[in-house]
């Protein structure tokens, strides 16, 4: 006999509520340490694990940085690394 689970037919006390998602601030994120060497990013108020860096990615970043740097005007430079832009600063595009 095959039983079909219809959660809407279950008593309310049997239903599992989803946990509330907490939104992290920039200061909380900067103070966050899970005790590992994993890298995280703050995305839409949520802490998300980043994919580990690889040699292929590093080579690609270096090549793109060099090509972009060759086209920049004097006084501008390419910065290749993780950066944090606090919300009060906004994005500066020149």
PDB file of N, CA and C in Angstrom:
ATOM      1  N   UNK A   1       0.843  -1.179   0.000  1.00  0.00           N
ATOM      2  CA  UNK A   1       0.000   0.000   0.000  1.00  0.00           C
ATOM      3  C   UNK A   1       0.884   1.236   0.000  1.00  0.00           C
ATOM      4  N   UNK A   2       0.591   2.191  -0.840  1.00  0.00           N
ATOM      5  CA  UNK A   2       1.368   3.415  -0.973  1.00  0.00           C
ATOM      6  C   UNK A   2       0.626   4.551  -0.289  1.00  0.00           C
ATOM      7  N   UNK A   3       1.283   5.207   0.632  1.00  0.00           N
ATOM      8  CA  UNK A   3       0.675   6.334   1.334  1.00  0.00           C
ATOM      9  C   UNK A   3       1.279   7.628   0.816  1.00  0.00           C
ATOM     10  N   UNK A   4       0.454   8.593   0.556  1.00  0.00           N
ATOM     11  CA  UNK A   4       0.908   9.904   0.105  1.00  0.00           C
ATOM     12  C   UNK A   4       0.836  10.849   1.284  1.00  0.00           C
ATOM     13  N   UNK A   5       1.967  11.502   1.555  1.00  0.00           N
ATOM     14  CA  UNK A   5       2.053  12.423   2.692  1.00  0.00           C
ATOM     15  C   UNK A   5       1.572  13.800   2.251  1.00  0.00           C
ATOM     16  N   UNK A   6       0.486  14.229   2.781  1.00  0.00           N
ATOM     17  CA  UNK A   6      -0.035  15.567   2.510  1.00  0.00           C
ATOM     18  C   UNK A   6       0.134  16.373   3.789  1.00  0.00           C
ATOM     19  N   UNK A   7       1.184  17.218   3.830  1.00  0.00           N
ATOM     20  CA  UNK A   7       1.483  17.942   5.063  1.00  0.00           C
ATOM     21  C   UNK A   7       0.362  18.900   5.460  1.00  0.00           C
ATOM     22  N   UNK A   8      -0.465  19.298   4.506  1.00  0.00           N
ATOM     23  CA  UNK A   8      -1.555  20.203   4.865  1.00  0.00           C
ATOM     24  C   UNK A   8      -2.619  19.474   5.680  1.00  0.00           C
ATOM     25  N   UNK A   9      -2.613  18.132   5.615  1.00  0.00           N
ATOM     26  CA  UNK A   9      -3.583  17.353   6.375  1.00  0.00           C
ATOM     27  C   UNK A   9      -3.057  17.002   7.765  1.00  0.00           C
ATOM     28  N   UNK A  10      -1.781  17.291   8.036  1.00  0.00           N
ATOM     29  CA  UNK A  10      -1.200  16.977   9.334  1.00  0.00           C
ATOM     30  C   UNK A  10      -1.611  18.023  10.358  1.00  0.00           C
ATOM     31  N   UNK A  11      -1.702  17.601  11.616  1.00  0.00           N
ATOM     32  CA  UNK A  11      -1.996  18.584  12.661  1.00  0.00           C
ATOM     33  C   UNK A  11      -0.898  19.648  12.707  1.00  0.00           C
ATOM     34  N   UNK A  12      -1.260  20.847  13.091  1.00  0.00           N
ATOM     35  CA  UNK A  12      -0.322  21.966  13.094  1.00  0.00           C
ATOM     36  C   UNK A  12       0.919  21.695  13.941  1.00  0.00           C
ATOM     37  N   UNK A  13       0.762  20.991  15.072  1.00  0.00           N
ATOM     38  CA  UNK A  13       1.928  20.746  15.934  1.00  0.00           C
ATOM     39  C   UNK A  13       2.931  19.788  15.300  1.00  0.00           C
ATOM     40  N   UNK A  14       2.567  19.085  14.220  1.00  0.00           N
ATOM     41  CA  UNK A  14       3.485  18.189  13.538  1.00  0.00           C
ATOM     42  C   UNK A  14       4.314  18.925  12.486  1.00  0.00           C
ATOM     43  N   UNK A  15       3.840  20.038  12.060  1.00  0.00           N
ATOM     44  CA  UNK A  15       4.545  20.775  11.012  1.00  0.00           C
ATOM     45  C   UNK A  15       5.810  21.405  11.572  1.00  0.00           C
ATOM     46  N   UNK A  16       6.852  21.403  10.765  1.00  0.00           N
ATOM     47  CA  UNK A  16       8.130  21.979  11.179  1.00  0.00           C
ATOM     48  C   UNK A  16       8.249  23.367  10.563  1.00  0.00           C
ATOM     49  N   UNK A  17       8.454  24.331  11.413  1.00  0.00           N
ATOM     50  CA  UNK A  17       8.621  25.700  10.920  1.00  0.00           C
ATOM     51  C   UNK A  17      10.052  25.893  10.440  1.00  0.00           C
ATOM     52  N   UNK A  18      10.218  26.700   9.415  1.00  0.00           N
ATOM     53  CA  UNK A  18      11.566  27.026   8.959  1.00  0.00           C
ATOM     54  C   UNK A  18      12.179  28.020   9.937  1.00  0.00           C
ATOM     55  N   UNK A  19      13.473  27.860  10.216  1.00  0.00           N
ATOM     56  CA  UNK A  19      14.109  28.801  11.139  1.00  0.00           C
ATOM     57  C   UNK A  19      14.153  30.206  10.536  1.00  0.00           C
ATOM     58  N   UNK A  20      14.040  31.187  11.393  1.00  0.00           N
ATOM     59  CA  UNK A  20      14.110  32.568  10.921  1.00  0.00           C
ATOM     60  C   UNK A  20      15.516  32.838  10.424  1.00  0.00           C
ATOM     61  N   UNK A  21      15.627  33.505   9.295  1.00  0.00           N
ATOM     62  CA  UNK A  21      16.940  33.852   8.758  1.00  0.00           C
ATOM     63  C   UNK A  21      17.369  35.181   9.322  1.00  0.00           C
ATOM     64  N   UNK A  22      18.488  35.170   9.963  1.00  0.00           N
ATOM     65  CA  UNK A  22      19.009  36.387  10.573  1.00  0.00           C
ATOM     66  C   UNK A  22      19.854  37.124   9.544  1.00  0.00           C
ATOM     67  N   UNK A  23      19.762  38.408   9.544  1.00  0.00           N
ATOM     68  CA  UNK A  23      20.548  39.236   8.640  1.00  0.00           C
ATOM     69  C   UNK A  23      21.768  39.762   9.393  1.00  0.00           C
ATOM     70  N   UNK A  24      22.960  39.510   8.852  1.00  0.00           N
ATOM     71  CA  UNK A  24      24.205  39.922   9.487  1.00  0.00           C
ATOM     72  C   UNK A  24      24.589  41.329   9.040  1.00  0.00           C
ATOM     73  N   UNK A  25      25.168  42.105   9.952  1.00  0.00           N
ATOM     74  CA  UNK A  25      25.689  43.422   9.605  1.00  0.00           C
ATOM     75  C   UNK A  25      27.134  43.270   9.147  1.00  0.00           C
ATOM     76  N   UNK A  26      27.681  44.305   8.534  1.00  0.00           N
ATOM     77  CA  UNK A  26      29.067  44.274   8.102  1.00  0.00           C
ATOM     78  C   UNK A  26      30.002  44.090   9.296  1.00  0.00           C
ATOM     79  N   UNK A  27      29.758  44.801  10.381  1.00  0.00           N
ATOM     80  CA  UNK A  27      30.612  44.673  11.572  1.00  0.00           C
ATOM     81  C   UNK A  27      30.560  43.257  12.146  1.00  0.00           C
ATOM     82  N   UNK A  28      29.378  42.646  12.184  1.00  0.00           N
ATOM     83  CA  UNK A  28      29.260  41.271  12.670  1.00  0.00           C
ATOM     84  C   UNK A  28      30.016  40.312  11.759  1.00  0.00           C
ATOM     85  N   UNK A  29      29.894  40.530  10.459  1.00  0.00           N
ATOM     86  CA  UNK A  29      30.587  39.676   9.502  1.00  0.00           C
ATOM     87  C   UNK A  29      32.103  39.785   9.656  1.00  0.00           C
ATOM     88  N   UNK A  30      32.611  40.994   9.826  1.00  0.00           N
ATOM     89  CA  UNK A  30      34.049  41.188   9.970  1.00  0.00           C
ATOM     90  C   UNK A  30      34.576  40.535  11.251  1.00  0.00           C
ATOM     91  N   UNK A  31      33.731  40.443  12.268  1.00  0.00           N
ATOM     92  CA  UNK A  31      34.132  39.815  13.531  1.00  0.00           C
ATOM     93  C   UNK A  31      33.900  38.296  13.510  1.00  0.00           C
ATOM     94  N   UNK A  32      33.215  37.795  12.501  1.00  0.00           N
ATOM     95  CA  UNK A  32      32.864  36.373  12.406  1.00  0.00           C
ATOM     96  C   UNK A  32      34.115  35.519  12.214  1.00  0.00           C
ATOM     97  N   UNK A  33      34.223  34.443  12.977  1.00  0.00           N
ATOM     98  CA  UNK A  33      35.320  33.486  12.841  1.00  0.00           C
ATOM     99  C   UNK A  33      34.785  32.119  13.224  1.00  0.00           C
ATOM    100  N   UNK A  34      34.779  31.202  12.262  1.00  0.00           N
ATOM    101  CA  UNK A  34      34.271  29.863  12.573  1.00  0.00           C
ATOM    102  C   UNK A  34      35.387  28.911  12.993  1.00  0.00           C
ATOM    103  N   UNK A  35      36.596  29.434  13.142  1.00  0.00           N
ATOM    104  CA  UNK A  35      37.704  28.617  13.608  1.00  0.00           C
ATOM    105  C   UNK A  35      38.345  27.753  12.533  1.00  0.00           C
ATOM    106  N   UNK A  36      37.957  27.944  11.278  1.00  0.00           N
ATOM    107  CA  UNK A  36      38.556  27.188  10.176  1.00  0.00           C
ATOM    108  C   UNK A  36      39.254  28.161   9.229  1.00  0.00           C
ATOM    109  N   UNK A  37      39.842  27.626   8.158  1.00  0.00           N
ATOM    110  CA  UNK A  37      40.462  28.496   7.161  1.00  0.00           C
ATOM    111  C   UNK A  37      39.539  28.714   5.958  1.00  0.00           C
ATOM    112  N   UNK A  38      38.278  28.377   6.105  1.00  0.00           N
ATOM    113  CA  UNK A  38      37.308  28.614   5.028  1.00  0.00           C
ATOM    114  C   UNK A  38      37.133  30.104   4.795  1.00  0.00           C
ATOM    115  N   UNK A  39      36.820  30.447   3.560  1.00  0.00           N
ATOM    116  CA  UNK A  39      36.552  31.850   3.213  1.00  0.00           C
ATOM    117  C   UNK A  39      35.055  32.032   3.022  1.00  0.00           C
ATOM    118  N   UNK A  40      34.572  33.169   3.484  1.00  0.00           N
ATOM    119  CA  UNK A  40      33.141  33.472   3.401  1.00  0.00           C
ATOM    120  C   UNK A  40      32.941  34.836   2.781  1.00  0.00           C
ATOM    121  N   UNK A  41      31.735  35.054   2.262  1.00  0.00           N
ATOM    122  CA  UNK A  41      31.347  36.367   1.797  1.00  0.00           C
ATOM    123  C   UNK A  41      29.999  36.719   2.419  1.00  0.00           C
ATOM    124  N   UNK A  42      29.753  38.006   2.512  1.00  0.00           N
ATOM    125  CA  UNK A  42      28.470  38.484   3.021  1.00  0.00           C
ATOM    126  C   UNK A  42      27.631  38.847   1.812  1.00  0.00           C
ATOM    127  N   UNK A  43      26.551  38.120   1.594  1.00  0.00           N
ATOM    128  CA  UNK A  43      25.694  38.338   0.431  1.00  0.00           C
ATOM    129  C   UNK A  43      24.267  38.544   0.896  1.00  0.00           C
ATOM    130  N   UNK A  44      23.744  39.724   0.663  1.00  0.00           N
ATOM    131  CA  UNK A  44      22.363  40.047   1.017  1.00  0.00           C
ATOM    132  C   UNK A  44      22.092  39.754   2.497  1.00  0.00           C
ATOM    133  N   UNK A  45      23.074  40.098   3.355  1.00  0.00           N
ATOM    134  CA  UNK A  45      22.914  39.928   4.782  1.00  0.00           C
ATOM    135  C   UNK A  45      23.155  38.519   5.289  1.00  0.00           C
ATOM    136  N   UNK A  46      23.536  37.599   4.397  1.00  0.00           N
ATOM    137  CA  UNK A  46      23.765  36.211   4.775  1.00  0.00           C
ATOM    138  C   UNK A  46      25.236  35.858   4.580  1.00  0.00           C
ATOM    139  N   UNK A  47      25.794  35.061   5.489  1.00  0.00           N
ATOM    140  CA  UNK A  47      27.159  34.586   5.360  1.00  0.00           C
ATOM    141  C   UNK A  47      27.138  33.332   4.500  1.00  0.00           C
ATOM    142  N   UNK A  48      27.901  33.369   3.405  1.00  0.00           N
ATOM    143  CA  UNK A  48      27.903  32.279   2.432  1.00  0.00           C
ATOM    144  C   UNK A  48      29.338  31.792   2.245  1.00  0.00           C
ATOM    145  N   UNK A  49      29.552  30.476   2.302  1.00  0.00           N
ATOM    146  CA  UNK A  49      30.878  29.902   2.083  1.00  0.00           C
ATOM    147  C   UNK A  49      31.279  30.092   0.626  1.00  0.00           C
ATOM    148  N   UNK A  50      32.532  30.484   0.419  1.00  0.00           N
ATOM    149  CA  UNK A  50      33.057  30.682  -0.931  1.00  0.00           C
ATOM    150  C   UNK A  50      33.768  29.414  -1.397  1.00  0.00           C
ATOM    151  N   UNK A  51      33.804  29.229  -2.705  1.00  0.00           N
ATOM    152  CA  UNK A  51      34.550  28.104  -3.260  1.00  0.00           C
ATOM    153  C   UNK A  51      36.032  28.317  -2.984  1.00  0.00           C
ATOM    154  N   UNK A  52      36.770  27.250  -2.738  1.00  0.00           N
ATOM    155  CA  UNK A  52      38.201  27.416  -2.486  1.00  0.00           C
ATOM    156  C   UNK A  52      38.921  27.947  -3.715  1.00  0.00           C
ATOM    157  N   UNK A  53      39.978  28.714  -3.478  1.00  0.00           N
ATOM    158  CA  UNK A  53      40.772  29.252  -4.574  1.00  0.00           C
ATOM    159  C   UNK A  53      41.495  28.108  -5.273  1.00  0.00           C
ATOM    160  N   UNK A  54      41.741  28.286  -6.561  1.00  0.00           N
ATOM    161  CA  UNK A  54      42.462  27.266  -7.316  1.00  0.00           C
ATOM    162  C   UNK A  54      43.563  27.938  -8.132  1.00  0.00           C
ATOM    163  N   UNK A  55      44.525  27.132  -8.599  1.00  0.00           N
ATOM    164  CA  UNK A  55      45.600  27.670  -9.423  1.00  0.00           C
ATOM    165  C   UNK A  55      45.061  28.236 -10.732  1.00  0.00           C
ATOM    166  N   UNK A  56      44.060  27.571 -11.307  1.00  0.00           N
ATOM    167  CA  UNK A  56      43.468  28.052 -12.558  1.00  0.00           C
ATOM    168  C   UNK A  56      42.838  29.417 -12.341  1.00  0.00           C
ATOM    169  N   UNK A  57      42.101  29.568 -11.250  1.00  0.00           N
ATOM    170  CA  UNK A  57      41.484  30.856 -10.953  1.00  0.00           C
ATOM    171  C   UNK A  57      42.549  31.929 -10.739  1.00  0.00           C
ATOM    172  N   UNK A  58      43.599  31.591 -10.006  1.00  0.00           N
ATOM    173  CA  UNK A  58      44.672  32.548  -9.765  1.00  0.00           C
ATOM    174  C   UNK A  58      45.328  33.010 -11.049  1.00  0.00           C
ATOM    175  N   UNK A  59      45.591  32.074 -11.968  1.00  0.00           N
ATOM    176  CA  UNK A  59      46.187  32.426 -13.264  1.00  0.00           C
ATOM    177  C   UNK A  59      45.251  33.319 -14.068  1.00  0.00           C
ATOM    178  N   UNK A  60      43.960  33.014 -14.033  1.00  0.00           N
ATOM    179  CA  UNK A  60      42.977  33.823 -14.755  1.00  0.00           C
ATOM    180  C   UNK A  60      42.899  35.238 -14.193  1.00  0.00           C
ATOM    181  N   UNK A  61      42.873  35.355 -12.872  1.00  0.00           N
ATOM    182  CA  UNK A  61      42.826  36.668 -12.230  1.00  0.00           C
ATOM    183  C   UNK A  61      44.070  37.477 -12.595  1.00  0.00           C
ATOM    184  N   UNK A  62      45.233  36.840 -12.573  1.00  0.00           N
ATOM    185  CA  UNK A  62      46.477  37.542 -12.916  1.00  0.00           C
ATOM    186  C   UNK A  62      46.461  38.015 -14.364  1.00  0.00           C
ATOM    187  N   UNK A  63      46.030  37.154 -15.274  1.00  0.00           N
ATOM    188  CA  UNK A  63      45.989  37.521 -16.695  1.00  0.00           C
ATOM    189  C   UNK A  63      45.005  38.671 -16.937  1.00  0.00           C
ATOM    190  N   UNK A  64      43.819  38.565 -16.350  1.00  0.00           N
ATOM    191  CA  UNK A  64      42.836  39.648 -16.514  1.00  0.00           C
ATOM    192  C   UNK A  64      43.336  40.952 -15.900  1.00  0.00           C
ATOM    193  N   UNK A  65      43.947  40.861 -14.728  1.00  0.00           N
ATOM    194  CA  UNK A  65      44.489  42.051 -14.086  1.00  0.00           C
ATOM    195  C   UNK A  65      45.549  42.731 -14.926  1.00  0.00           C
ATOM    196  N   UNK A  66      46.419  41.927 -15.527  1.00  0.00           N
ATOM    197  CA  UNK A  66      47.459  42.481 -16.382  1.00  0.00           C
ATOM    198  C   UNK A  66      46.843  43.163 -17.609  1.00  0.00           C
ATOM    199  N   UNK A  67      45.876  42.509 -18.253  1.00  0.00           N
ATOM    200  CA  UNK A  67      45.254  43.086 -19.450  1.00  0.00           C
ATOM    201  C   UNK A  67      44.483  44.359 -19.120  1.00  0.00           C
ATOM    202  N   UNK A  68      43.761  44.342 -18.005  1.00  0.00           N
ATOM    203  CA  UNK A  68      43.028  45.547 -17.606  1.00  0.00           C
ATOM    204  C   UNK A  68      44.008  46.646 -17.241  1.00  0.00           C
ATOM    205  N   UNK A  69      45.055  46.303 -16.491  1.00  0.00           N
ATOM    206  CA  UNK A  69      46.050  47.284 -16.086  1.00  0.00           C
ATOM    207  C   UNK A  69      46.739  47.953 -17.261  1.00  0.00           C
ATOM    208  N   UNK A  70      46.957  47.216 -18.346  1.00  0.00           N
ATOM    209  CA  UNK A  70      47.598  47.782 -19.537  1.00  0.00           C
ATOM    210  C   UNK A  70      46.746  48.844 -20.207  1.00  0.00           C
ATOM    211  N   UNK A  71      45.444  48.848 -19.944  1.00  0.00           N
ATOM    212  CA  UNK A  71      44.552  49.815 -20.603  1.00  0.00           C
ATOM    213  C   UNK A  71      44.190  51.004 -19.723  1.00  0.00           C
ATOM    214  N   UNK A  72      44.604  50.986 -18.462  1.00  0.00           N
ATOM    215  CA  UNK A  72      44.246  52.072 -17.544  1.00  0.00           C
ATOM    216  C   UNK A  72      45.088  53.318 -17.790  1.00  0.00           C
ATOM    217  N   UNK A  73      44.510  54.451 -17.484  1.00  0.00           N
ATOM    218  CA  UNK A  73      45.255  55.711 -17.608  1.00  0.00           C
ATOM    219  C   UNK A  73      46.245  55.826 -16.445  1.00  0.00           C
ATOM    220  N   UNK A  74      47.184  56.726 -16.584  1.00  0.00           N
ATOM    221  CA  UNK A  74      48.221  56.926 -15.575  1.00  0.00           C
ATOM    222  C   UNK A  74      47.590  57.251 -14.224  1.00  0.00           C
ATOM    223  N   UNK A  75      48.150  56.678 -13.184  1.00  0.00           N
ATOM    224  CA  UNK A  75      47.656  56.918 -11.829  1.00  0.00           C
ATOM    225  C   UNK A  75      46.609  55.924 -11.363  1.00  0.00           C
ATOM    226  N   UNK A  76      46.110  55.098 -12.266  1.00  0.00           N
ATOM    227  CA  UNK A  76      45.121  54.079 -11.893  1.00  0.00           C
ATOM    228  C   UNK A  76      45.812  52.735 -11.789  1.00  0.00           C
ATOM    229  N   UNK A  77      45.286  51.877 -10.959  1.00  0.00           N
ATOM    230  CA  UNK A  77      45.878  50.561 -10.807  1.00  0.00           C
ATOM    231  C   UNK A  77      44.813  49.504 -10.574  1.00  0.00           C
ATOM    232  N   UNK A  78      45.166  48.282 -10.859  1.00  0.00           N
ATOM    233  CA  UNK A  78      44.285  47.136 -10.622  1.00  0.00           C
ATOM    234  C   UNK A  78      44.625  46.564  -9.252  1.00  0.00           C
ATOM    235  N   UNK A  79      43.615  46.344  -8.447  1.00  0.00           N
ATOM    236  CA  UNK A  79      43.807  45.716  -7.142  1.00  0.00           C
ATOM    237  C   UNK A  79      43.100  44.374  -7.199  1.00  0.00           C
ATOM    238  N   UNK A  80      43.874  43.303  -7.092  1.00  0.00           N
ATOM    239  CA  UNK A  80      43.311  41.963  -7.183  1.00  0.00           C
ATOM    240  C   UNK A  80      43.257  41.359  -5.792  1.00  0.00           C
ATOM    241  N   UNK A  81      42.096  41.365  -5.211  1.00  0.00           N
ATOM    242  CA  UNK A  81      41.928  40.787  -3.887  1.00  0.00           C
ATOM    243  C   UNK A  81      40.531  41.054  -3.401  1.00  0.00           C
ATOM    244  N   UNK A  82      40.199  40.359  -2.343  1.00  0.00           N
ATOM    245  CA  UNK A  82      38.876  40.562  -1.760  1.00  0.00           C
ATOM    246  C   UNK A  82      38.801  41.953  -1.171  1.00  0.00           C
ATOM    247  N   UNK A  83      37.715  42.588  -1.357  1.00  0.00           N
ATOM    248  CA  UNK A  83      37.527  43.916  -0.816  1.00  0.00           C
ATOM    249  C   UNK A  83      36.159  44.054  -0.187  1.00  0.00           C
ATOM    250  N   UNK A  84      36.051  44.972   0.721  1.00  0.00           N
ATOM    251  CA  UNK A  84      34.780  45.227   1.381  1.00  0.00           C
ATOM    252  C   UNK A  84      34.447  46.689   1.177  1.00  0.00           C
ATOM    253  N   UNK A  85      33.250  46.954   0.700  1.00  0.00           N
ATOM    254  CA  UNK A  85      32.778  48.312   0.514  1.00  0.00           C
ATOM    255  C   UNK A  85      31.652  48.546   1.504  1.00  0.00           C
ATOM    256  N   UNK A  86      31.923  49.283   2.582  1.00  0.00           N
ATOM    257  CA  UNK A  86      30.857  49.553   3.545  1.00  0.00           C
ATOM    258  C   UNK A  86      29.685  50.264   2.862  1.00  0.00           C
ATOM    259  N   UNK A  87      28.457  49.968   3.269  1.00  0.00           N
ATOM    260  CA  UNK A  87      27.293  50.537   2.598  1.00  0.00           C
ATOM    261  C   UNK A  87      27.271  52.065   2.606  1.00  0.00           C
ATOM    262  N   UNK A  88      27.817  52.683   3.651  1.00  0.00           N
ATOM    263  CA  UNK A  88      27.778  54.141   3.692  1.00  0.00           C
ATOM    264  C   UNK A  88      28.725  54.769   2.672  1.00  0.00           C
ATOM    265  N   UNK A  89      29.695  54.009   2.196  1.00  0.00           N
ATOM    266  CA  UNK A  89      30.633  54.524   1.201  1.00  0.00           C
ATOM    267  C   UNK A  89      30.083  54.391  -0.211  1.00  0.00           C
ATOM    268  N   UNK A  90      29.316  53.360  -0.429  1.00  0.00           N
ATOM    269  CA  UNK A  90      28.768  53.126  -1.761  1.00  0.00           C
ATOM    270  C   UNK A  90      29.854  52.692  -2.717  1.00  0.00           C
ATOM    271  N   UNK A  91      29.526  52.647  -3.980  1.00  0.00           N
ATOM    272  CA  UNK A  91      30.507  52.255  -5.001  1.00  0.00           C
ATOM    273  C   UNK A  91      30.996  53.497  -5.717  1.00  0.00           C
ATOM    274  N   UNK A  92      32.291  53.561  -5.917  1.00  0.00           N
ATOM    275  CA  UNK A  92      32.877  54.669  -6.653  1.00  0.00           C
ATOM    276  C   UNK A  92      33.370  54.154  -7.992  1.00  0.00           C
ATOM    277  N   UNK A  93      32.791  54.618  -9.046  1.00  0.00           N
ATOM    278  CA  UNK A  93      33.222  54.249 -10.395  1.00  0.00           C
ATOM    279  C   UNK A  93      33.791  55.494 -11.048  1.00  0.00           C
ATOM    280  N   UNK A  94      34.982  55.368 -11.583  1.00  0.00           N
ATOM    281  CA  UNK A  94      35.630  56.526 -12.222  1.00  0.00           C
ATOM    282  C   UNK A  94      35.748  56.241 -13.693  1.00  0.00           C
TER     283      UNK A  94
END
